[in-house]
C-alpha atoms as a PDB file:
ATOM      1  CA  MET A   1      69.585  47.246  90.524  1.00  0.00           C
ATOM      2  CA  THR A   2      69.801  46.686  94.194  1.00  0.00           C
ATOM      3  CA  GLN A   3      70.285  49.473  96.688  1.00  0.00           C
ATOM      4  CA  HIS A   4      73.635  47.950  97.753  1.00  0.00           C
ATOM      5  CA  PHE A   5      74.902  47.933  94.137  1.00  0.00           C
ATOM      6  CA  ARG A   6      73.901  51.605  93.622  1.00  0.00           C
ATOM      7  CA  LYS A   7      75.610  52.662  96.853  1.00  0.00           C
ATOM      8  CA  ALA A   8      78.795  50.774  95.942  1.00  0.00           C
ATOM      9  CA  THR A   9      78.782  52.338  92.459  1.00  0.00           C
ATOM     10  CA  ARG A  10      78.359  55.858  93.895  1.00  0.00           C
ATOM     11  CA  THR A  11      81.168  55.239  96.385  1.00  0.00           C
ATOM     12  CA  ARG A  12      83.546  54.030  93.649  1.00  0.00           C
ATOM     13  CA  LEU A  13      82.597  56.952  91.397  1.00  0.00           C
ATOM     14  CA  ALA A  14      83.112  59.485  94.191  1.00  0.00           C
ATOM     15  CA  GLY A  15      86.508  57.960  94.979  1.00  0.00           C
ATOM     16  CA  ALA A  16      87.553  58.048  91.335  1.00  0.00           C
ATOM     17  CA  LEU A  17      86.470  61.673  90.948  1.00  0.00           C
ATOM     18  CA  ALA A  18      88.278  62.703  94.132  1.00  0.00           C
ATOM     19  CA  GLY A  19      91.424  60.922  92.951  1.00  0.00           C
ATOM     20  CA  ALA A  20      91.263  62.588  89.541  1.00  0.00           C
ATOM     21  CA  ALA A  21      90.764  66.021  91.112  1.00  0.00           C
ATOM     22  CA  LEU A  22      93.692  65.500  93.483  1.00  0.00           C
ATOM     23  CA  THR A  23      95.925  64.405  90.598  1.00  0.00           C
ATOM     24  CA  LEU A  24      95.027  67.500  88.573  1.00  0.00           C
ATOM     25  CA  LEU A  25      95.540  69.877  91.476  1.00  0.00           C
ATOM     26  CA  THR A  26      98.956  68.506  92.383  1.00  0.00           C
ATOM     27  CA  ALA A  27     100.141  68.239  88.783  1.00  0.00           C
ATOM     28  CA  LEU A  28      99.545  71.882  87.854  1.00  0.00           C
ATOM     29  CA  PRO A  29     101.920  74.486  89.330  1.00  0.00           C
ATOM     30  CA  ALA A  30     100.525  77.842  90.403  1.00  0.00           C
ATOM     31  CA  GLN A  31     100.954  80.448  87.688  1.00  0.00           C
ATOM     32  CA  ALA A  32     100.453  83.713  89.522  1.00  0.00           C
ATOM     33  CA  HIS A  33     102.941  85.810  87.581  1.00  0.00           C
ATOM     34  CA  TRP A  34     102.249  89.500  87.162  1.00  0.00           C
ATOM     35  CA  GLU A  35     102.636  91.012  83.679  1.00  0.00           C
ATOM     36  CA  TYR A  36     106.363  90.655  82.872  1.00  0.00           C
ATOM     37  CA  ALA A  37     107.451  89.564  86.358  1.00  0.00           C
ATOM     38  CA  ILE A  38     107.861  85.876  87.178  1.00  0.00           C
ATOM     39  CA  TRP A  39     108.272  84.542  90.710  1.00  0.00           C
ATOM     40  CA  GLY A  40     111.922  83.961  91.560  1.00  0.00           C
ATOM     41  CA  MET A  41     113.319  86.579  89.147  1.00  0.00           C
ATOM     42  CA  THR A  42     116.025  88.832  90.538  1.00  0.00           C
ATOM     43  CA  ARG A  43     115.507  92.582  90.653  1.00  0.00           C
ATOM     44  CA  ASP A  44     117.667  93.057  87.568  1.00  0.00           C
ATOM     45  CA  GLU A  45     115.691  90.390  85.686  1.00  0.00           C
ATOM     46  CA  VAL A  46     112.376  92.074  86.572  1.00  0.00           C
ATOM     47  CA  ILE A  47     113.719  95.437  85.415  1.00  0.00           C
ATOM     48  CA  ALA A  48     115.028  93.963  82.159  1.00  0.00           C
ATOM     49  CA  ALA A  49     111.781  92.065  81.493  1.00  0.00           C
ATOM     50  CA  SER A  50     109.760  95.249  82.054  1.00  0.00           C
ATOM     51  CA  ARG A  51     111.412  96.970  79.078  1.00  0.00           C
ATOM     52  CA  GLY A  52     111.835 100.185  81.001  1.00  0.00           C
ATOM     53  CA  ALA A  53     108.618 100.163  83.035  1.00  0.00           C
ATOM     54  CA  ALA A  54     110.282  99.071  86.288  1.00  0.00           C
ATOM     55  CA  ARG A  55     113.241 100.682  88.020  1.00  0.00           C
ATOM     56  CA  ALA A  56     115.410  99.915  91.021  1.00  0.00           C
ATOM     57  CA  LEU A  57     114.660 101.839  94.171  1.00  0.00           C
ATOM     58  CA  PRO A  58     117.548 103.943  95.476  1.00  0.00           C
ATOM     59  CA  ALA A  59     119.074 102.330  98.580  1.00  0.00           C
ATOM     60  CA  GLU A  60     117.534 104.950 100.881  1.00  0.00           C
ATOM     61  CA  ARG A  61     114.025 104.093  99.611  1.00  0.00           C
ATOM     62  CA  GLU A  62     114.344 100.301  99.902  1.00  0.00           C
ATOM     63  CA  ARG A  63     112.082  98.945 102.659  1.00  0.00           C
ATOM     64  CA  ASP A  64     113.179  95.877 104.592  1.00  0.00           C
ATOM     65  CA  VAL A  65     110.506  93.630 106.120  1.00  0.00           C
ATOM     66  CA  PRO A  66     112.559  91.327 108.403  1.00  0.00           C
ATOM     67  CA  GLU A  67     109.603  89.256 109.631  1.00  0.00           C
ATOM     68  CA  ALA A  68     108.794  88.358 106.010  1.00  0.00           C
ATOM     69  CA  ARG A  69     112.482  87.952 104.996  1.00  0.00           C
ATOM     70  CA  MET A  70     111.974  90.383 102.105  1.00  0.00           C
ATOM     71  CA  THR A  71     112.906  93.857 100.931  1.00  0.00           C
ATOM     72  CA  TRP A  72     110.979  96.173  98.595  1.00  0.00           C
ATOM     73  CA  ARG A  73     113.627  96.948  95.965  1.00  0.00           C
ATOM     74  CA  ALA A  74     111.891  97.978  92.708  1.00  0.00           C
ATOM     75  CA  GLU A  75     108.878  99.910  91.493  1.00  0.00           C
ATOM     76  CA  ALA A  76     106.954 100.529  88.297  1.00  0.00           C
ATOM     77  CA  ARG A  77     104.004 102.374  86.833  1.00  0.00           C
ATOM     78  CA  PHE A  78     101.400 100.346  85.009  1.00  0.00           C
ATOM     79  CA  GLU A  79      98.725 101.727  82.711  1.00  0.00           C
ATOM     80  CA  ASP A  80      95.964  99.955  80.855  1.00  0.00           C
ATOM     81  CA  GLY A  81      93.451 102.357  79.389  1.00  0.00           C
ATOM     82  CA  PRO A  82      92.080 104.452  82.246  1.00  0.00           C
ATOM     83  CA  LEU A  83      93.628 102.163  84.870  1.00  0.00           C
ATOM     84  CA  ALA A  84      96.876 103.578  86.303  1.00  0.00           C
ATOM     85  CA  LEU A  85      98.747 101.726  89.050  1.00  0.00           C
ATOM     86  CA  GLU A  86     101.864 102.176  91.175  1.00  0.00           C
ATOM     87  CA  VAL A  87     103.500  98.760  91.462  1.00  0.00           C
ATOM     88  CA  ALA A  88     106.092  97.606  94.021  1.00  0.00           C
ATOM     89  CA  PHE A  89     108.276  94.497  93.922  1.00  0.00           C
ATOM     90  CA  ALA A  90     109.738  92.710  96.969  1.00  0.00           C
ATOM     91  CA  PHE A  91     112.584  90.221  96.861  1.00  0.00           C
ATOM     92  CA  ASP A  92     113.604  87.415  99.208  1.00  0.00           C
ATOM     93  CA  ASN A  93     116.473  88.464 101.490  1.00  0.00           C
ATOM     94  CA  VAL A  94     118.127  85.041 101.163  1.00  0.00           C
ATOM     95  CA  THR A  95     117.648  84.034  97.523  1.00  0.00           C
ATOM     96  CA  GLY A  96     117.145  87.478  95.964  1.00  0.00           C
ATOM     97  CA  GLY A  97     114.139  86.149  94.031  1.00  0.00           C
ATOM     98  CA  LEU A  98     110.841  87.966  93.523  1.00  0.00           C
ATOM     99  CA  ILE A  99     108.304  86.926  96.155  1.00  0.00           C
ATOM    100  CA  CYS A 100     105.749  89.738  96.328  1.00  0.00           C
ATOM    101  CA  VAL A 101     104.086  92.224  93.973  1.00  0.00           C
ATOM    102  CA  THR A 102     101.678  94.870  95.223  1.00  0.00           C
ATOM    103  CA  TYR A 103      99.889  97.696  93.499  1.00  0.00           C
ATOM    104  CA  ALA A 104      97.790 100.719  94.292  1.00  0.00           C
ATOM    105  CA  ALA A 105      95.671 102.944  92.076  1.00  0.00           C
ATOM    106  CA  ARG A 106      97.397 106.235  91.256  1.00  0.00           C
ATOM    107  CA  ASN A 107      94.033 107.973  91.114  1.00  0.00           C
ATOM    108  CA  ALA A 108      91.683 107.653  94.081  1.00  0.00           C
ATOM    109  CA  GLN A 109      88.727 107.717  91.660  1.00  0.00           C
ATOM    110  CA  GLN A 110      89.641 104.306  90.205  1.00  0.00           C
END
């Protein structure tokens, strides 16, 4: 094989691989759900899906984050063996859908 033929073959192969990778990446939606919570759920849907693990925050404990257009409106406790977490859920101020989930260890030793 000539050097020109090998270079052309590598170029075509690289282009095909890049195209295949791009197709796969754009065809698969991100699935970053957390446990029972799915992005876009309302607070009531998250609470219902949690089967009692999550609860609505009282109005005086809700935390608005205007620059992020969201409000922390629900919380839960999560346990898996020795792992124990406090979980917080934030919802979009316009759509009401879940947009953020954070957690912190309940025990500093974890």
